[in-house]
Amino acid sequence: MDLIIDVKTREEYYMNHIEGALNIPVWDLGFYLDFLKDKSIKVYCGPRRKRTEMALDFLEDKEVDVEELPVDEFDDHEWVGKPMVSALNYLSVKPGHEEKVEEMMENLCEFTMDKEGFIGTKVVKATDVAYGGSMLRGEREEIEINPTKYIMITYWDSRESHEKFHHIEEIREGFKEMMPHLSVMPFEEHAEIIH
């Protein structure tokens, strides 16, 4: 029997995938080569197929027994998934307070892990200005972002779960303790994962 691999992102997979398919995002396939080498594999992503083609090229180059799961066979499979929303928290931190805020965010993320409706989190720190993306002219130089900016992304099974989470006393206190370290009042937006 073929091993079916969904090469979409974890978030896309969570929301809709073939039942029993393994999720290995196309960009992570290189980490699983030892596991995949002795298996017969079918890969898919969706009707647009770009990531399927990338996965096929990569795995064939590594001599893995792989073929595409054709789009016209999608309906032959049972599809499963769950809803997911994300909350984007934007934080600007006072100079010299970055280490403390990072520690507080890590603690907050750990505290959140077992809460009802919580699916996962990512925290990203802005490092410098992207020349191409900012349409800047001239030679690239490192432009420091000051104050330091972070985005904490949390994933939830519903907006209701997320809002309920904010009524937990320890969470409210954790955010209050973080406030003296911030240079701009934080704000949060809900977002839907579309790709």
Protein backbone atom coordinates (compact mmCIF):
# COMPACT_ATOMS: atom_id res chain seq x y z
CA MET A 1 0.00 0.00 0.00
CA ASP A 2 1.26 3.47 -0.86
CA LEU A 3 2.06 5.98 1.82
CA ILE A 4 0.12 9.16 1.00
CA ILE A 5 1.89 12.39 1.88
CA ASP A 6 0.20 15.77 1.99
CA VAL A 7 2.88 18.38 1.24
CA LYS A 8 0.87 21.44 2.32
CA THR A 9 1.67 23.47 5.43
CA ARG A 10 0.71 22.10 8.83
CA GLU A 11 -2.11 24.63 9.11
CA GLU A 12 -3.59 23.79 5.71
CA TYR A 13 -3.32 20.08 6.51
CA TYR A 14 -5.09 20.56 9.84
CA MET A 15 -8.05 22.16 8.08
CA ASN A 16 -8.41 19.69 5.18
CA HIS A 17 -6.57 16.52 4.22
CA ILE A 18 -7.06 12.94 3.08
CA GLU A 19 -7.78 10.75 6.07
CA GLY A 20 -4.66 8.78 6.96
CA ALA A 21 -2.31 10.98 4.92
CA LEU A 22 0.94 11.96 6.57
CA ASN A 23 1.76 15.68 6.59
CA ILE A 24 5.29 16.59 5.52
CA PRO A 25 5.40 20.12 4.09
CA VAL A 26 7.31 20.20 0.81
CA TRP A 27 10.09 22.30 2.35
CA ASP A 28 10.64 19.69 5.11
CA LEU A 29 10.94 16.59 2.90
CA GLY A 30 14.74 16.64 3.16
CA PHE A 31 14.50 15.92 6.90
CA TYR A 32 12.56 12.69 6.24
CA LEU A 33 14.61 11.08 3.47
CA ASP A 34 15.79 8.14 5.59
CA PHE A 35 12.17 7.41 6.52
CA LEU A 36 10.90 7.76 2.94
CA LYS A 37 13.65 5.93 1.00
CA ASP A 38 12.22 2.40 1.30
CA LYS A 39 8.56 3.29 0.80
CA SER A 40 6.24 3.65 -2.17
CA ILE A 41 4.82 7.17 -1.90
CA LYS A 42 2.06 9.24 -3.43
CA VAL A 43 2.16 13.00 -2.86
CA TYR A 44 -0.48 15.71 -3.22
CA CYS A 45 -1.15 19.29 -2.17
CA GLY A 46 -4.25 20.52 -3.97
CA PRO A 47 -5.69 21.33 -7.38
CA ARG A 48 -3.02 23.94 -8.20
CA ARG A 49 -0.29 21.26 -7.87
CA LYS A 50 2.80 23.53 -7.58
CA ARG A 51 3.97 21.98 -4.31
CA THR A 52 3.16 18.50 -5.63
CA GLU A 53 5.49 19.15 -8.58
CA MET A 54 8.18 20.47 -6.25
CA ALA A 55 7.88 17.36 -4.05
CA LEU A 56 8.02 15.03 -7.05
CA ASP A 57 11.14 16.74 -8.43
CA PHE A 58 12.89 16.70 -5.06
CA LEU A 59 12.05 13.09 -4.14
CA GLU A 60 12.76 11.72 -7.62
CA ASP A 61 16.14 13.44 -7.50
CA LYS A 62 16.80 11.63 -4.20
CA GLU A 63 15.74 8.30 -5.78
CA VAL A 64 12.60 7.89 -3.67
CA ASP A 65 9.79 5.78 -5.20
CA VAL A 66 7.22 8.56 -5.62
CA GLU A 67 4.30 9.47 -7.83
CA GLU A 68 1.57 12.07 -7.81
CA LEU A 69 -1.85 11.34 -6.39
CA PRO A 70 -3.87 12.71 -9.34
CA VAL A 71 -6.40 15.43 -8.65
CA ASP A 72 -9.11 13.39 -10.40
CA GLU A 73 -8.64 10.69 -7.70
CA PHE A 74 -9.16 13.08 -4.78
CA ASP A 75 -12.86 12.19 -4.55
CA ASP A 76 -11.94 8.51 -4.12
CA HIS A 77 -10.65 9.37 -0.64
CA GLU A 78 -12.28 10.43 2.61
CA TRP A 79 -11.31 14.01 3.52
CA VAL A 80 -11.13 15.24 7.11
CA GLY A 81 -10.19 18.45 8.85
CA LYS A 82 -11.06 20.90 11.56
CA PRO A 83 -11.57 24.66 11.63
CA MET A 84 -8.65 26.87 12.61
CA VAL A 85 -8.29 30.56 13.30
CA SER A 86 -5.22 32.44 14.39
CA ALA A 87 -4.67 35.39 16.67
CA LEU A 88 -1.87 37.79 15.73
CA ASN A 89 -0.33 39.70 18.63
CA TYR A 90 1.90 42.64 17.66
CA LEU A 91 4.41 43.73 20.32
CA SER A 92 6.97 46.56 20.27
CA VAL A 93 9.52 46.20 23.05
CA LYS A 94 11.53 48.86 24.86
CA PRO A 95 15.27 48.72 24.06
CA GLY A 96 17.07 46.47 26.54
CA HIS A 97 13.88 44.59 27.50
CA GLU A 98 13.95 42.05 24.66
CA GLU A 99 15.38 39.14 26.68
CA LYS A 100 12.81 39.58 29.46
CA VAL A 101 9.90 39.80 27.00
CA GLU A 102 11.12 36.73 25.10
CA GLU A 103 11.23 34.80 28.38
CA MET A 104 7.72 35.99 29.26
CA MET A 105 6.40 35.00 25.82
CA GLU A 106 7.97 31.55 26.14
CA ASN A 107 6.33 31.08 29.54
CA LEU A 108 3.01 32.28 28.16
CA CYS A 109 3.24 29.84 25.25
CA GLU A 110 4.01 26.94 27.61
CA PHE A 111 1.09 27.88 29.87
CA THR A 112 -1.21 27.95 26.84
CA MET A 113 -0.34 24.48 25.53
CA ASP A 114 -3.01 22.51 27.40
CA LYS A 115 -5.81 25.05 27.16
CA GLU A 116 -9.10 24.13 25.52
CA GLY A 117 -9.15 24.89 21.80
CA PHE A 118 -5.43 25.72 21.56
CA ILE A 119 -3.69 24.20 18.52
CA GLY A 120 -0.21 25.79 18.46
CA THR A 121 1.90 28.91 18.39
CA LYS A 122 4.77 30.67 16.65
CA VAL A 123 6.71 33.73 17.78
CA VAL A 124 8.71 35.76 15.28
CA LYS A 125 11.10 38.65 15.88
CA ALA A 126 11.69 41.31 13.22
CA THR A 127 15.43 41.57 12.60
CA ASP A 128 16.03 44.16 9.87
CA VAL A 129 14.35 45.84 6.90
CA ALA A 130 14.01 43.77 3.72
CA TYR A 131 15.24 45.85 0.79
CA GLY A 132 13.34 44.04 -1.98
CA GLY A 133 10.09 43.78 -0.04
CA SER A 134 10.30 47.42 1.01
CA MET A 135 11.13 48.60 -2.55
CA LEU A 136 14.23 50.41 -1.30
CA ARG A 137 16.79 51.54 -3.88
CA GLY A 138 20.53 51.22 -3.67
CA GLU A 139 22.75 48.59 -2.13
CA ARG A 140 21.33 46.53 0.69
CA GLU A 141 22.45 47.59 4.13
CA GLU A 142 21.28 46.37 7.48
CA ILE A 143 18.66 48.74 8.84
CA GLU A 144 17.91 47.95 12.46
CA ILE A 145 14.31 47.86 13.59
CA ASN A 146 13.91 49.92 16.71
CA PRO A 147 12.02 49.35 18.92
CA THR A 148 12.23 45.58 18.47
CA LYS A 149 9.00 44.13 17.11
CA TYR A 150 7.55 40.67 17.67
CA ILE A 151 4.53 38.87 16.32
CA MET A 152 3.11 36.07 18.43
CA ILE A 153 0.77 33.89 16.38
CA THR A 154 -1.52 31.50 18.22
CA TYR A 155 -3.76 28.93 16.53
CA TRP A 156 -7.20 28.02 17.86
CA ASP A 157 -10.11 25.81 16.90
CA SER A 158 -12.47 28.82 17.14
CA ARG A 159 -12.64 32.50 18.05
CA GLU A 160 -14.72 31.48 21.06
CA SER A 161 -11.91 29.29 22.45
CA HIS A 162 -9.47 32.15 21.99
CA GLU A 163 -11.71 34.67 23.72
CA LYS A 164 -12.40 32.24 26.59
CA PHE A 165 -8.64 31.86 27.01
CA HIS A 166 -8.27 35.61 27.63
CA HIS A 167 -10.58 35.36 30.64
CA ILE A 168 -8.17 33.04 32.49
CA GLU A 169 -6.76 35.05 35.40
CA GLU A 170 -3.15 33.86 34.91
CA ILE A 171 -3.26 35.00 31.29
CA ARG A 172 -4.62 38.41 32.18
CA GLU A 173 -1.91 38.81 34.83
CA GLY A 174 0.80 37.61 32.42
CA PHE A 175 -0.12 40.28 29.89
CA LYS A 176 -0.24 42.95 32.62
CA GLU A 177 3.27 41.98 33.76
CA MET A 178 4.52 42.34 30.19
CA MET A 179 3.15 45.89 29.74
CA PRO A 180 6.01 47.82 31.45
CA HIS A 181 8.44 46.27 28.96
CA LEU A 182 6.54 47.42 25.86
CA SER A 183 7.02 50.71 24.00
CA VAL A 184 3.71 50.63 22.10
CA MET A 185 0.39 49.35 23.32
CA PRO A 186 0.04 45.83 21.89
CA PHE A 187 -2.86 44.91 19.68
CA GLU A 188 -4.29 41.65 18.48
CA GLU A 189 -6.14 40.63 15.32
CA HIS A 190 -7.94 37.45 14.36
CA ALA A 191 -6.89 35.95 11.04
CA GLU A 192 -8.11 33.09 8.89
CA ILE A 193 -5.56 30.79 7.27
CA ILE A 194 -6.13 30.82 3.53
CA HIS A 195 -2.82 29.35 2.33
